[in-house]
C-alpha atoms as a PDB file:
ATOM      1  CA  MET A   1      25.064  12.931  12.601  1.00  0.00           C
ATOM      2  CA  ASN A   2      23.443  10.054  14.482  1.00  0.00           C
ATOM      3  CA  ASP A   3      21.660   7.438  12.377  1.00  0.00           C
ATOM      4  CA  PHE A   4      19.664   6.179  15.356  1.00  0.00           C
ATOM      5  CA  ARG A   5      17.098   7.600  17.755  1.00  0.00           C
ATOM      6  CA  ASP A   6      19.039   9.021  20.696  1.00  0.00           C
ATOM      7  CA  THR A   7      17.350   8.032  23.976  1.00  0.00           C
ATOM      8  CA  THR A   8      20.359   8.509  26.255  1.00  0.00           C
ATOM      9  CA  HIS A   9      18.415  10.984  28.399  1.00  0.00           C
ATOM     10  CA  LEU A  10      15.832   8.322  29.318  1.00  0.00           C
ATOM     11  CA  VAL A  11      18.381   6.716  31.635  1.00  0.00           C
ATOM     12  CA  ILE A  12      16.889   8.869  34.387  1.00  0.00           C
ATOM     13  CA  GLN A  13      13.491   7.243  33.756  1.00  0.00           C
ATOM     14  CA  GLY A  14      14.844   3.703  33.971  1.00  0.00           C
ATOM     15  CA  HIS A  15      16.466   2.891  30.631  1.00  0.00           C
ATOM     16  CA  GLU A  16      19.464   0.585  30.780  1.00  0.00           C
ATOM     17  CA  GLY A  17      21.873  -1.186  28.476  1.00  0.00           C
ATOM     18  CA  TRP A  18      22.493  -4.900  28.021  1.00  0.00           C
ATOM     19  CA  LEU A  19      24.799  -7.137  26.009  1.00  0.00           C
ATOM     20  CA  GLU A  20      23.365  -9.957  23.910  1.00  0.00           C
ATOM     21  CA  PHE A  21      25.109 -13.123  22.736  1.00  0.00           C
ATOM     22  CA  ARG A  22      22.550 -15.381  21.118  1.00  0.00           C
ATOM     23  CA  SER A  23      24.604 -18.540  20.670  1.00  0.00           C
ATOM     24  CA  SER A  24      25.398 -21.276  23.165  1.00  0.00           C
ATOM     25  CA  HIS A  25      29.192 -20.898  22.839  1.00  0.00           C
ATOM     26  CA  GLY A  26      32.096 -19.614  20.779  1.00  0.00           C
ATOM     27  CA  HIS A  27      35.308 -21.174  19.471  1.00  0.00           C
ATOM     28  CA  HIS A  28      38.869 -20.086  20.132  1.00  0.00           C
ATOM     29  CA  GLY A  29      40.483 -18.539  17.096  1.00  0.00           C
ATOM     30  CA  SER A  30      37.107 -17.537  15.631  1.00  0.00           C
ATOM     31  CA  SER A  31      35.585 -14.075  16.029  1.00  0.00           C
ATOM     32  CA  VAL A  32      32.707 -13.618  18.455  1.00  0.00           C
ATOM     33  CA  ASP A  33      30.061 -10.893  18.044  1.00  0.00           C
ATOM     34  CA  VAL A  34      28.072  -9.413  20.904  1.00  0.00           C
ATOM     35  CA  PHE A  35      25.519  -6.623  20.625  1.00  0.00           C
ATOM     36  CA  PHE A  36      24.937  -3.753  23.047  1.00  0.00           C
ATOM     37  CA  LYS A  37      21.287  -2.708  23.170  1.00  0.00           C
ATOM     38  CA  TRP A  38      19.428   0.027  25.023  1.00  0.00           C
ATOM     39  CA  GLY A  39      15.907   0.336  26.389  1.00  0.00           C
ATOM     40  CA  HIS A  40      13.981  -1.088  29.328  1.00  0.00           C
ATOM     41  CA  ASN A  41      13.305  -4.679  30.416  1.00  0.00           C
ATOM     42  CA  MET A  42      14.830  -6.026  27.163  1.00  0.00           C
ATOM     43  CA  LYS A  43      12.517  -3.873  25.038  1.00  0.00           C
ATOM     44  CA  VAL A  44      14.753  -1.885  22.693  1.00  0.00           C
ATOM     45  CA  ASP A  45      14.094   1.871  22.638  1.00  0.00           C
ATOM     46  CA  GLY A  46      16.581   3.743  20.483  1.00  0.00           C
ATOM     47  CA  LEU A  47      20.241   3.818  21.518  1.00  0.00           C
ATOM     48  CA  CYS A  48      22.464   5.805  23.821  1.00  0.00           C
ATOM     49  CA  ARG A  49      25.342   7.859  22.433  1.00  0.00           C
ATOM     50  CA  ARG A  50      28.539   5.945  21.833  1.00  0.00           C
ATOM     51  CA  GLU A  51      30.727   8.590  23.486  1.00  0.00           C
ATOM     52  CA  ILE A  52      29.414   7.638  26.940  1.00  0.00           C
ATOM     53  CA  LEU A  53      30.461   3.996  26.433  1.00  0.00           C
ATOM     54  CA  LYS A  54      33.625   2.007  26.884  1.00  0.00           C
ATOM     55  CA  ALA A  55      34.032  -1.742  26.428  1.00  0.00           C
ATOM     56  CA  TYR A  56      36.471  -4.287  27.766  1.00  0.00           C
ATOM     57  CA  LEU A  57      36.941  -8.038  27.960  1.00  0.00           C
ATOM     58  CA  VAL A  58      37.796 -10.167  30.990  1.00  0.00           C
ATOM     59  CA  ASP A  59      39.386 -13.420  29.824  1.00  0.00           C
ATOM     60  CA  PRO A  60      39.307 -16.801  31.645  1.00  0.00           C
ATOM     61  CA  ASN A  61      42.484 -15.844  33.551  1.00  0.00           C
ATOM     62  CA  GLY A  62      41.025 -12.565  34.814  1.00  0.00           C
ATOM     63  CA  GLN A  63      43.060 -10.407  32.443  1.00  0.00           C
ATOM     64  CA  LYS A  64      41.273  -7.293  31.171  1.00  0.00           C
ATOM     65  CA  SER A  65      41.708  -5.773  27.715  1.00  0.00           C
ATOM     66  CA  ASP A  66      39.928  -2.954  25.881  1.00  0.00           C
ATOM     67  CA  LEU A  67      37.404  -3.661  23.135  1.00  0.00           C
ATOM     68  CA  GLU A  68      36.366  -1.452  20.245  1.00  0.00           C
ATOM     69  CA  ILE A  69      32.707  -0.486  19.905  1.00  0.00           C
ATOM     70  CA  GLY A  70      31.479  -0.494  16.317  1.00  0.00           C
ATOM     71  CA  ASP A  71      29.192   1.974  14.600  1.00  0.00           C
ATOM     72  CA  PRO A  72      25.478   1.828  15.485  1.00  0.00           C
ATOM     73  CA  GLU A  73      23.552  -0.790  13.517  1.00  0.00           C
ATOM     74  CA  GLU A  74      19.960   0.474  13.831  1.00  0.00           C
ATOM     75  CA  ILE A  75      19.231  -0.919  17.314  1.00  0.00           C
ATOM     76  CA  ALA A  76      22.632  -2.054  18.593  1.00  0.00           C
ATOM     77  CA  TYR A  77      26.379  -1.520  18.713  1.00  0.00           C
ATOM     78  CA  ARG A  78      28.397  -4.515  17.547  1.00  0.00           C
ATOM     79  CA  ILE A  79      31.455  -5.549  19.567  1.00  0.00           C
ATOM     80  CA  THR A  80      33.778  -8.225  18.194  1.00  0.00           C
ATOM     81  CA  PHE A  81      36.672 -10.118  19.738  1.00  0.00           C
ATOM     82  CA  THR A  82      38.659 -13.250  18.936  1.00  0.00           C
ATOM     83  CA  PRO A  83      39.293 -15.547  21.928  1.00  0.00           C
ATOM     84  CA  GLU A  84      42.747 -17.093  22.021  1.00  0.00           C
ATOM     85  CA  GLN A  85      41.901 -19.987  24.337  1.00  0.00           C
ATOM     86  CA  ALA A  86      38.972 -21.976  25.685  1.00  0.00           C
ATOM     87  CA  GLY A  87      37.182 -20.818  28.831  1.00  0.00           C
ATOM     88  CA  LEU A  88      34.573 -18.404  30.150  1.00  0.00           C
ATOM     89  CA  TYR A  89      34.876 -14.856  28.812  1.00  0.00           C
ATOM     90  CA  ARG A  90      33.092 -11.731  30.051  1.00  0.00           C
ATOM     91  CA  PRO A  91      32.717  -8.790  27.671  1.00  0.00           C
ATOM     92  CA  VAL A  92      31.515  -5.681  29.497  1.00  0.00           C
ATOM     93  CA  VAL A  93      30.160  -2.342  28.311  1.00  0.00           C
ATOM     94  CA  GLU A  94      30.291   0.504  30.815  1.00  0.00           C
ATOM     95  CA  ALA A  95      28.212   3.678  30.376  1.00  0.00           C
ATOM     96  CA  ASN A  96      28.966   6.885  32.283  1.00  0.00           C
ATOM     97  CA  GLY A  97      27.291  10.265  32.148  1.00  0.00           C
ATOM     98  CA  ILE A  98      25.210  12.951  33.815  1.00  0.00           C
ATOM     99  CA  THR A  99      21.585  13.825  33.155  1.00  0.00           C
ATOM    100  CA  THR A 100      20.059  17.040  34.461  1.00  0.00           C
ATOM    101  CA  VAL A 101      16.313  17.617  34.621  1.00  0.00           C
ATOM    102  CA  THR A 102      15.235  21.244  34.380  1.00  0.00           C
ATOM    103  CA  VAL A 103      12.192  22.856  35.987  1.00  0.00           C
ATOM    104  CA  ASP A 104      10.477  22.980  32.590  1.00  0.00           C
ATOM    105  CA  GLY A 105      10.912  19.232  32.052  1.00  0.00           C
ATOM    106  CA  GLN A 106      13.949  19.065  29.782  1.00  0.00           C
ATOM    107  CA  TYR A 107      16.478  16.223  30.089  1.00  0.00           C
ATOM    108  CA  LEU A 108      19.960  17.505  29.332  1.00  0.00           C
ATOM    109  CA  SER A 109      23.259  15.601  29.239  1.00  0.00           C
ATOM    110  CA  VAL A 110      25.164  18.327  31.068  1.00  0.00           C
ATOM    111  CA  PRO A 111      26.175  18.968  34.701  1.00  0.00           C
ATOM    112  CA  LYS A 112      24.005  21.031  37.014  1.00  0.00           C
ATOM    113  CA  LYS A 113      26.162  24.142  36.760  1.00  0.00           C
ATOM    114  CA  ASP A 114      25.517  24.362  33.020  1.00  0.00           C
ATOM    115  CA  CYS A 115      21.733  24.650  33.410  1.00  0.00           C
ATOM    116  CA  GLU A 116      19.923  27.882  34.167  1.00  0.00           C
ATOM    117  CA  PHE A 117      17.033  26.264  36.041  1.00  0.00           C
ATOM    118  CA  PRO A 118      18.093  22.753  37.130  1.00  0.00           C
ATOM    119  CA  LEU A 119      15.716  20.618  39.157  1.00  0.00           C
ATOM    120  CA  GLU A 120      17.884  17.511  39.647  1.00  0.00           C
ATOM    121  CA  SER A 121      21.184  16.196  38.318  1.00  0.00           C
ATOM    122  CA  VAL A 122      22.028  12.502  38.429  1.00  0.00           C
ATOM    123  CA  ALA A 123      25.307  10.858  37.464  1.00  0.00           C
ATOM    124  CA  PHE A 124      24.987   7.307  36.205  1.00  0.00           C
ATOM    125  CA  THR A 125      27.255   4.314  35.764  1.00  0.00           C
ATOM    126  CA  HIS A 126      25.918   1.212  34.032  1.00  0.00           C
ATOM    127  CA  TYR A 127      27.649  -2.149  33.615  1.00  0.00           C
ATOM    128  CA  ALA A 128      26.303  -4.543  30.970  1.00  0.00           C
ATOM    129  CA  SER A 129      27.894  -7.985  30.739  1.00  0.00           C
ATOM    130  CA  VAL A 130      27.383 -11.429  29.304  1.00  0.00           C
ATOM    131  CA  ILE A 131      29.274 -14.672  29.872  1.00  0.00           C
ATOM    132  CA  ILE A 132      30.497 -16.410  26.744  1.00  0.00           C
ATOM    133  CA  PRO A 133      31.703 -20.020  26.944  1.00  0.00           C
ATOM    134  CA  VAL A 134      34.454 -20.596  24.400  1.00  0.00           C
ATOM    135  CA  GLY A 135      34.329 -24.361  24.017  1.00  0.00           C
ATOM    136  CA  HIS A 136      31.621 -26.985  24.495  1.00  0.00           C
ATOM    137  CA  ASP A 137      29.642 -27.641  27.702  1.00  0.00           C
ATOM    138  CA  LEU A 138      31.864 -25.483  29.917  1.00  0.00           C
ATOM    139  CA  GLU A 139      31.196 -25.116  33.633  1.00  0.00           C
ATOM    140  CA  GLY A 140      33.009 -23.368  36.449  1.00  0.00           C
ATOM    141  CA  GLU A 141      33.570 -20.197  38.402  1.00  0.00           C
ATOM    142  CA  VAL A 142      33.255 -16.839  36.685  1.00  0.00           C
ATOM    143  CA  GLN A 143      35.796 -14.039  36.869  1.00  0.00           C
ATOM    144  CA  SER A 144      34.715 -10.859  38.602  1.00  0.00           C
ATOM    145  CA  VAL A 145      34.755  -7.744  36.427  1.00  0.00           C
ATOM    146  CA  GLY A 146      35.208  -5.382  39.360  1.00  0.00           C
ATOM    147  CA  GLY A 147      33.455  -2.035  39.166  1.00  0.00           C
ATOM    148  CA  ASN A 148      31.250  -0.438  41.802  1.00  0.00           C
ATOM    149  CA  LEU A 149      28.247  -2.692  41.137  1.00  0.00           C
ATOM    150  CA  GLU A 150      28.298  -6.266  39.923  1.00  0.00           C
ATOM    151  CA  LEU A 151      25.998  -9.225  39.396  1.00  0.00           C
ATOM    152  CA  LEU A 152      28.334 -12.186  39.849  1.00  0.00           C
ATOM    153  CA  PRO A 153      27.114 -15.740  39.182  1.00  0.00           C
ATOM    154  CA  THR A 154      28.586 -18.025  41.828  1.00  0.00           C
ATOM    155  CA  TYR A 155      28.878 -20.781  39.211  1.00  0.00           C
ATOM    156  CA  TRP A 156      28.298 -21.027  35.461  1.00  0.00           C
ATOM    157  CA  LYS A 157      27.020 -23.904  33.344  1.00  0.00           C
ATOM    158  CA  PRO A 158      24.865 -24.426  30.265  1.00  0.00           C
ATOM    159  CA  TRP A 159      21.480 -23.379  31.652  1.00  0.00           C
ATOM    160  CA  SER A 160      18.294 -25.338  30.979  1.00  0.00           C
ATOM    161  CA  ALA A 161      14.679 -24.836  31.992  1.00  0.00           C
ATOM    162  CA  GLY A 162      14.250 -25.968  35.608  1.00  0.00           C
ATOM    163  CA  ASP A 163      17.793 -24.973  36.630  1.00  0.00           C
ATOM    164  CA  THR A 164      18.438 -22.548  39.496  1.00  0.00           C
ATOM    165  CA  MET A 165      21.101 -19.866  39.174  1.00  0.00           C
ATOM    166  CA  ASP A 166      22.752 -18.303  42.221  1.00  0.00           C
ATOM    167  CA  LEU A 167      23.880 -14.687  41.911  1.00  0.00           C
ATOM    168  CA  GLN A 168      25.707 -12.349  44.269  1.00  0.00           C
ATOM    169  CA  VAL A 169      25.319  -8.578  44.205  1.00  0.00           C
ATOM    170  CA  LYS A 170      28.431  -6.618  45.108  1.00  0.00           C
ATOM    171  CA  ALA A 171      28.517  -2.854  45.643  1.00  0.00           C
ATOM    172  CA  LYS A 172      31.977  -1.309  45.798  1.00  0.00           C
ATOM    173  CA  GLY A 173      33.468  -4.761  46.302  1.00  0.00           C
ATOM    174  CA  SER A 174      31.280  -5.798  49.253  1.00  0.00           C
ATOM    175  CA  PRO A 175      28.101  -7.915  49.353  1.00  0.00           C
ATOM    176  CA  ALA A 176      25.067  -5.669  48.888  1.00  0.00           C
ATOM    177  CA  ALA A 177      22.398  -6.939  51.254  1.00  0.00           C
ATOM    178  CA  ASP A 178      18.709  -6.199  50.692  1.00  0.00           C
ATOM    179  CA  THR A 179      19.139  -5.008  47.119  1.00  0.00           C
ATOM    180  CA  GLN A 180      16.343  -5.951  44.738  1.00  0.00           C
ATOM    181  CA  VAL A 181      17.279  -8.069  41.724  1.00  0.00           C
ATOM    182  CA  ALA A 182      14.992  -8.500  38.729  1.00  0.00           C
ATOM    183  CA  LEU A 183      14.923 -11.434  36.313  1.00  0.00           C
ATOM    184  CA  ILE A 184      13.414 -10.381  32.991  1.00  0.00           C
ATOM    185  CA  ASN A 185      12.234 -12.845  30.351  1.00  0.00           C
ATOM    186  CA  GLY A 186      13.063 -11.273  27.005  1.00  0.00           C
ATOM    187  CA  MET A 187      10.547 -13.534  25.253  1.00  0.00           C
ATOM    188  CA  ALA A 188       7.709 -12.857  27.681  1.00  0.00           C
ATOM    189  CA  GLU A 189       4.218 -11.727  26.795  1.00  0.00           C
ATOM    190  CA  ASP A 190       3.585  -8.007  27.220  1.00  0.00           C
ATOM    191  CA  ASN A 191       1.662  -8.557  30.464  1.00  0.00           C
ATOM    192  CA  GLU A 192       4.367 -10.715  32.101  1.00  0.00           C
ATOM    193  CA  GLU A 193       6.191  -8.837  34.837  1.00  0.00           C
ATOM    194  CA  PRO A 194       9.842  -9.402  35.840  1.00  0.00           C
ATOM    195  CA  VAL A 195      10.475 -11.703  38.803  1.00  0.00           C
ATOM    196  CA  LEU A 196      11.762  -9.611  41.737  1.00  0.00           C
ATOM    197  CA  LYS A 197      13.760 -10.946  44.676  1.00  0.00           C
ATOM    198  CA  GLU A 198      15.601  -9.393  47.597  1.00  0.00           C
ATOM    199  CA  ALA A 199      19.244 -10.308  48.099  1.00  0.00           C
ATOM    200  CA  ASP A 200      20.055 -11.830  51.493  1.00  0.00           C
ATOM    201  CA  SER A 201      22.579 -10.622  54.061  1.00  0.00           C
ATOM    202  CA  GLU A 202      25.421 -11.881  51.835  1.00  0.00           C
ATOM    203  CA  GLY A 203      24.034 -10.153  48.755  1.00  0.00           C
ATOM    204  CA  LYS A 204      22.932 -13.496  47.303  1.00  0.00           C
ATOM    205  CA  VAL A 205      19.780 -14.327  45.396  1.00  0.00           C
ATOM    206  CA  ALA A 206      18.613 -17.397  43.439  1.00  0.00           C
ATOM    207  CA  PHE A 207      16.350 -17.654  40.399  1.00  0.00           C
ATOM    208  CA  THR A 208      14.826 -20.763  38.843  1.00  0.00           C
ATOM    209  CA  PHE A 209      14.285 -20.656  35.082  1.00  0.00           C
ATOM    210  CA  GLU A 210      10.748 -21.828  34.430  1.00  0.00           C
ATOM    211  CA  LYS A 211      11.087 -22.026  30.648  1.00  0.00           C
ATOM    212  CA  PRO A 212      13.696 -21.611  27.918  1.00  0.00           C
ATOM    213  CA  GLY A 213      14.505 -18.218  26.474  1.00  0.00           C
ATOM    214  CA  PHE A 214      16.743 -15.186  26.770  1.00  0.00           C
ATOM    215  CA  TYR A 215      16.815 -13.627  30.224  1.00  0.00           C
ATOM    216  CA  LEU A 216      18.282 -10.514  31.788  1.00  0.00           C
ATOM    217  CA  ALA A 217      19.245 -10.226  35.450  1.00  0.00           C
ATOM    218  CA  LEU A 218      19.237  -6.584  36.570  1.00  0.00           C
ATOM    219  CA  VAL A 219      20.093  -4.722  39.755  1.00  0.00           C
ATOM    220  CA  ARG A 220      20.161  -1.019  40.639  1.00  0.00           C
ATOM    221  CA  TYR A 221      21.960   0.806  43.422  1.00  0.00           C
ATOM    222  CA  ALA A 222      21.821   4.495  44.375  1.00  0.00           C
ATOM    223  CA  ASP A 223      24.829   6.099  46.039  1.00  0.00           C
ATOM    224  CA  ASN A 224      23.490   9.241  47.710  1.00  0.00           C
ATOM    225  CA  ASP A 225      26.905   9.946  49.218  1.00  0.00           C
ATOM    226  CA  ASP A 226      28.453  10.366  45.782  1.00  0.00           C
ATOM    227  CA  ALA A 227      27.595  13.977  44.999  1.00  0.00           C
ATOM    228  CA  GLN A 228      29.654  16.757  43.454  1.00  0.00           C
ATOM    229  CA  ASP A 229      28.620  20.339  44.045  1.00  0.00           C
ATOM    230  CA  GLY A 230      27.600  22.000  40.816  1.00  0.00           C
ATOM    231  CA  TYR A 231      27.728  18.740  38.865  1.00  0.00           C
ATOM    232  CA  TYR A 232      25.355  16.112  40.250  1.00  0.00           C
ATOM    233  CA  ASP A 233      23.305  15.261  43.358  1.00  0.00           C
ATOM    234  CA  ARG A 234      23.848  11.487  43.474  1.00  0.00           C
ATOM    235  CA  ARG A 235      25.073   8.579  41.377  1.00  0.00           C
ATOM    236  CA  ASN A 236      22.859   5.745  40.188  1.00  0.00           C
ATOM    237  CA  TYR A 237      24.394   2.377  39.323  1.00  0.00           C
ATOM    238  CA  THR A 238      22.889  -0.396  37.201  1.00  0.00           C
ATOM    239  CA  ALA A 239      24.280  -3.832  36.344  1.00  0.00           C
ATOM    240  CA  THR A 240      22.806  -6.286  33.845  1.00  0.00           C
ATOM    241  CA  LEU A 241      23.675  -9.871  32.896  1.00  0.00           C
ATOM    242  CA  HIS A 242      22.299 -11.590  29.791  1.00  0.00           C
ATOM    243  CA  ILE A 243      21.540 -15.333  30.060  1.00  0.00           C
ATOM    244  CA  LEU A 244      20.574 -18.021  27.534  1.00  0.00           C
ATOM    245  CA  VAL A 245      18.348 -20.838  28.834  1.00  0.00           C
ATOM    246  CA  THR A 246      17.678 -23.891  26.657  1.00  0.00           C
ATOM    247  CA  LYS A 247      15.074 -26.654  26.870  1.00  0.00           C
END
């Protein structure tokens, strides 16, 4: 029995997941906690089901290892790892599933063939990541996590208000030109909209942080060529990156 409000089905209406790390850095040999949350524009709205999730860690050398996802803790899943060296780490949570909308407005987590009156079936793959410096004042290049959609910072440093971050969007390993990237201020007033920018011909986009806070960079990509008869009509990808900005 779930002890949280299951809003997995709202993925088709724009819900996404993100990973939060609310410290400036970690220390090698000491455990690090990150939290996977679910909702829209950094506003938590229930949780998705754990069975659609898998987690892994990319270490500073680019090596990937699986991570265990803990039990739901009201509004988040806790993920813990212990870094063995200094450097920039990237924990990632990947969500995969299918949502089918029926003609009478139901949202079901089953393929199209299992519905009597399906209207639309969409497969989804979401990548939520955060970059964790293990050590003080670390800067440098960030390891790619791979996957079919990625928000890759071209360089990482301790971010402060007034700094500009350069990001590259990659879809299936290639720069994704003309994709729209959103920068969401998690501490914004209710009437503050995300900043939206179009990636250039190399899939690159730059954002300047106007004030300190917790931010989320987000990009979506629809693959209309990825369809499976009887199962789903297209696949929607989402990638998110959580960022701490100080004064």
